[in-house]
N, C-alpha and C. Protein backbone atom coordinates (compact mmCIF):
# COMPACT_ATOMS: atom_id res chain seq x y z
N UNK A 1 -5.48 7.42 0.60
CA UNK A 1 -5.14 6.28 -0.36
C UNK A 1 -6.63 5.58 0.12
N UNK A 2 -6.68 5.33 1.39
CA UNK A 2 -8.01 4.66 1.90
C UNK A 2 -9.35 5.44 1.83
N UNK A 3 -9.88 6.45 2.53
CA UNK A 3 -10.55 7.40 1.70
C UNK A 3 -10.79 7.93 -0.08
N UNK A 4 -9.67 7.69 -0.63
CA UNK A 4 -10.12 7.92 -1.52
C UNK A 4 -10.41 6.17 -2.09
N UNK A 5 -9.63 5.66 -2.17
CA UNK A 5 -10.46 3.99 -2.64
C UNK A 5 -12.07 4.26 -1.70
N UNK A 6 -12.34 4.35 -0.69
CA UNK A 6 -13.60 4.30 -0.17
C UNK A 6 -14.48 5.54 -0.87
N UNK A 7 -14.63 6.53 -1.47
CA UNK A 7 -15.33 7.18 -1.77
C UNK A 7 -15.47 6.87 -3.91
N UNK A 8 -14.43 6.26 -3.97
CA UNK A 8 -14.67 6.06 -5.29
C UNK A 8 -15.35 4.97 -5.81
N UNK A 9 -15.75 3.87 -4.43
CA UNK A 9 -16.87 2.96 -4.89
C UNK A 9 -17.55 3.04 -3.84
N UNK A 10 -18.06 3.86 -3.02
CA UNK A 10 -18.98 3.58 -2.64
C UNK A 10 -20.08 5.41 -2.77
N UNK A 11 -21.40 5.52 -2.98
CA UNK A 11 -21.77 6.45 -3.72
C UNK A 11 -22.21 7.39 -2.23
N UNK A 12 -22.04 8.87 -2.79
CA UNK A 12 -22.88 10.02 -1.69
C UNK A 12 -22.48 9.31 -0.77
N UNK A 13 -21.47 9.34 0.16
CA UNK A 13 -20.90 8.87 1.27
C UNK A 13 -19.94 10.34 2.46
N UNK A 14 -20.07 10.87 3.30
CA UNK A 14 -19.34 11.06 4.46
C UNK A 14 -18.11 10.49 4.54
N UNK A 15 -17.19 12.01 5.08
CA UNK A 15 -15.68 11.74 4.79
C UNK A 15 -15.63 10.54 5.99
N UNK A 16 -16.37 10.68 6.89
CA UNK A 16 -16.44 10.53 8.69
C UNK A 16 -17.13 8.85 8.50
N UNK A 17 -17.02 8.78 7.85
CA UNK A 17 -17.88 7.39 7.26
C UNK A 17 -17.65 6.07 6.62
N UNK A 18 -15.72 6.34 7.42
CA UNK A 18 -14.90 4.88 6.92
C UNK A 18 -14.42 4.60 8.42
N UNK A 19 -14.85 3.04 8.18
CA UNK A 19 -15.05 1.97 9.45
C UNK A 19 -13.05 2.06 10.04
N UNK A 20 -13.66 2.69 11.48
CA UNK A 20 -12.30 2.46 12.31
C UNK A 20 -11.07 1.12 11.45
N UNK A 21 -12.16 0.16 11.72
CA UNK A 21 -10.86 -0.96 11.32
C UNK A 21 -9.66 -0.75 9.79
N UNK A 22 -10.50 -0.12 8.71
CA UNK A 22 -9.76 -0.32 7.96
C UNK A 22 -8.78 1.18 7.57
N UNK A 23 -9.34 1.72 7.96
CA UNK A 23 -7.91 2.98 8.77
C UNK A 23 -6.64 2.07 9.02
N UNK A 24 -7.23 1.57 10.51
CA UNK A 24 -5.72 0.79 10.93
C UNK A 24 -5.22 -0.96 10.04
N UNK A 25 -6.10 -1.01 9.25
CA UNK A 25 -5.52 -2.05 7.60
C UNK A 25 -5.05 -1.81 7.23
N UNK A 26 -5.11 -0.19 6.97
CA UNK A 26 -4.04 0.54 6.25
C UNK A 26 -2.94 0.94 6.55
N UNK A 27 -3.34 1.24 7.37
CA UNK A 27 -1.76 1.55 8.65
C UNK A 27 -0.91 0.95 8.25
N UNK A 28 -1.41 -0.56 9.01
CA UNK A 28 -0.58 -1.35 9.49
C UNK A 28 0.09 -2.11 7.76
N UNK A 29 -1.24 -2.13 7.14
CA UNK A 29 -0.40 -2.48 5.33
C UNK A 29 0.95 -1.79 5.04
N UNK A 30 0.16 -0.91 5.29
CA UNK A 30 1.96 0.25 4.87
C UNK A 30 3.19 0.27 5.24
N UNK A 31 2.93 0.07 6.56
CA UNK A 31 4.51 0.24 7.68
C UNK A 31 4.72 -1.20 7.24
N UNK A 32 4.47 -2.02 6.94
CA UNK A 32 4.87 -2.94 6.52
C UNK A 32 4.99 -3.22 5.09
N UNK A 33 5.02 -2.43 4.44
CA UNK A 33 4.97 -2.41 2.66
C UNK A 33 6.63 -1.32 2.85
N UNK A 34 6.64 -0.82 3.82
CA UNK A 34 8.44 0.04 4.35
C UNK A 34 9.32 -0.39 4.70
N UNK A 35 8.74 -1.19 5.77
CA UNK A 35 9.36 -2.44 6.77
C UNK A 35 10.40 -3.59 5.51
N UNK A 36 8.84 -3.44 4.44
CA UNK A 36 9.82 -4.86 3.99
C UNK A 36 10.86 -3.97 2.60
N UNK A 37 10.61 -2.73 2.29
CA UNK A 37 11.22 -1.39 1.59
C UNK A 37 12.82 -1.66 2.01
N UNK A 38 12.71 -1.58 3.15
CA UNK A 38 14.09 -1.14 3.67
C UNK A 38 15.20 -1.95 3.99
N UNK A 39 14.53 -3.53 4.72
CA UNK A 39 15.58 -4.38 5.12
C UNK A 39 15.80 -5.26 3.47
N UNK A 40 14.95 -5.07 2.53
CA UNK A 40 15.38 -5.25 1.07
C UNK A 40 16.61 -5.01 0.72
N UNK A 41 16.40 -3.53 0.54
CA UNK A 41 17.19 -2.39 -0.10
C UNK A 41 18.87 -2.53 0.20
N UNK A 42 19.49 -3.40 1.06
CA UNK A 42 20.68 -3.25 0.92
C UNK A 42 21.05 -4.08 -0.49
N UNK A 43 20.57 -5.08 -0.07
CA UNK A 43 20.78 -6.73 -1.03
C UNK A 43 20.18 -6.65 -2.17
N UNK A 44 19.85 -4.98 -3.03
CA UNK A 44 18.72 -5.36 -4.38
C UNK A 44 19.92 -4.24 -4.77
N UNK A 45 20.98 -3.99 -4.32
CA UNK A 45 21.92 -3.03 -4.89
C UNK A 45 21.73 -1.35 -5.23
N UNK A 46 22.60 -1.09 -6.18
CA UNK A 46 22.47 0.18 -5.82
C UNK A 46 21.13 0.56 -7.46
N UNK A 47 20.49 0.24 -8.13
CA UNK A 47 19.69 -0.05 -9.20
C UNK A 47 18.39 -0.05 -7.87
N UNK A 48 18.31 -0.09 -7.41
CA UNK A 48 17.17 0.03 -6.34
C UNK A 48 16.75 0.85 -5.79
N UNK A 49 18.28 1.43 -5.63
CA UNK A 49 17.98 3.14 -5.10
C UNK A 49 17.67 3.58 -6.01
N UNK A 50 18.70 3.63 -7.05
CA UNK A 50 17.89 4.88 -8.34
C UNK A 50 16.69 4.73 -7.99
N UNK A 51 16.56 3.41 -8.70
CA UNK A 51 14.52 4.10 -8.84
C UNK A 51 14.05 4.03 -7.68
N UNK A 52 14.26 4.08 -6.58
CA UNK A 52 13.62 4.21 -5.35
C UNK A 52 12.94 5.80 -5.54
N UNK A 53 14.32 6.70 -5.59
CA UNK A 53 14.56 7.87 -6.21
C UNK A 53 13.56 8.59 -7.09
N UNK A 54 13.57 8.20 -8.12
CA UNK A 54 13.17 7.99 -9.04
C UNK A 54 11.48 8.17 -9.11
N UNK A 55 11.03 7.95 -8.04
CA UNK A 55 9.28 6.93 -8.38
C UNK A 55 9.85 8.43 -6.44
N UNK A 56 10.39 8.88 -6.01
CA UNK A 56 10.63 9.42 -4.54
C UNK A 56 9.89 10.75 -5.44
N UNK A 57 10.64 11.06 -6.24
CA UNK A 57 11.06 13.33 -7.15
C UNK A 57 9.98 12.77 -7.83
N UNK A 58 9.37 11.34 -8.89
CA UNK A 58 8.66 11.88 -9.22
C UNK A 58 7.03 12.18 -8.29
N UNK A 59 6.89 11.54 -7.38
CA UNK A 59 5.79 11.85 -6.52
C UNK A 59 5.78 13.36 -6.29
N UNK A 60 7.31 13.54 -5.96
CA UNK A 60 7.10 15.32 -5.89
C UNK A 60 7.00 15.80 -6.69
N UNK A 61 7.16 15.76 -7.72
CA UNK A 61 6.91 16.96 -8.46
C UNK A 61 5.27 16.48 -9.20
N UNK A 62 4.98 15.36 -9.21
CA UNK A 62 2.93 15.36 -9.33
C UNK A 62 2.86 16.05 -8.56
N UNK A 63 2.54 15.58 -6.62
CA UNK A 63 2.48 16.71 -6.14
C UNK A 63 2.32 17.82 -6.27
N UNK A 64 3.39 19.05 -6.82
CA UNK A 64 3.52 20.20 -6.94
C UNK A 64 2.70 20.59 -8.21
N UNK A 65 2.20 19.75 -9.90
CA UNK A 65 1.81 19.63 -10.00
C UNK A 65 0.45 19.99 -10.37
N UNK A 66 0.02 18.88 -9.11
CA UNK A 66 -1.40 19.17 -8.52
C UNK A 66 -2.22 20.15 -8.06
N UNK A 67 -0.64 20.28 -7.41
CA UNK A 67 -1.05 21.65 -6.26
C UNK A 67 -1.25 23.08 -7.26
N UNK A 68 -0.24 23.42 -7.84
CA UNK A 68 -0.61 24.72 -9.73
C UNK A 68 -2.07 24.47 -9.59
N UNK A 69 -2.05 23.09 -10.42
CA UNK A 69 -2.99 23.74 -11.00
C UNK A 69 -4.78 23.40 -10.13
N UNK A 70 -4.43 23.09 -9.50
CA UNK A 70 -6.13 23.69 -8.29
C UNK A 70 -5.28 25.62 -7.78
N UNK A 71 -3.93 25.65 -8.00
CA UNK A 71 -3.98 27.11 -7.59
C UNK A 71 -4.76 28.14 -8.53
N UNK A 72 -4.44 27.67 -10.17
CA UNK A 72 -4.61 28.20 -11.10
C UNK A 72 -6.33 28.05 -11.55
N UNK A 73 -6.97 27.24 -11.13
CA UNK A 73 -8.25 26.95 -10.69
C UNK A 73 -9.25 27.64 -10.27
N UNK A 74 -8.22 28.73 -9.44
CA UNK A 74 -8.63 29.57 -7.84
C UNK A 74 -9.33 28.98 -6.37
N UNK A 75 -8.90 27.99 -6.45
CA UNK A 75 -9.21 26.59 -5.40
C UNK A 75 -8.59 26.72 -4.19
N UNK A 76 -8.19 27.80 -4.03
CA UNK A 76 -7.26 28.36 -2.49
C UNK A 76 -8.34 29.01 -1.53
N UNK A 77 -9.44 28.51 -1.57
CA UNK A 77 -10.00 29.22 -0.60
C UNK A 77 -9.55 27.74 0.58
N UNK A 78 -8.71 28.12 1.90
CA UNK A 78 -8.40 26.74 2.84
C UNK A 78 -9.97 26.39 3.82
N UNK A 79 -10.74 27.43 3.96
CA UNK A 79 -11.58 27.43 4.87
C UNK A 79 -12.99 26.56 4.52
N UNK A 80 -13.01 26.41 3.34
CA UNK A 80 -14.41 25.80 3.10
C UNK A 80 -13.56 24.37 3.05
N UNK A 81 -14.98 23.56 3.60
CA UNK A 81 -15.16 21.67 3.62
C UNK A 81 -14.72 21.54 2.18
N UNK A 82 -13.42 20.89 2.22
CA UNK A 82 -13.69 20.11 0.39
C UNK A 82 -14.57 18.80 0.23
N UNK A 83 -14.32 17.73 1.82
CA UNK A 83 -15.35 16.73 1.44
C UNK A 83 -17.03 17.07 1.46
């Protein structure tokens, strides 16, 4: 996520130019958000569990669709650097 946002806001940068502190801040915020969700889930009830499961399934399906699209376009060479 950090790399995606960094590349869309900066012009013509290399993948290694993301500052180390930005990667650490992104990781810390992600861990805190997941921890809050895990702590809050029992008190949110079963409807929240259904919503979270739906979001997870949609994310997996979209990942499969993106991979299939890349494969159909001929983007199969994994030895070539993509950035």
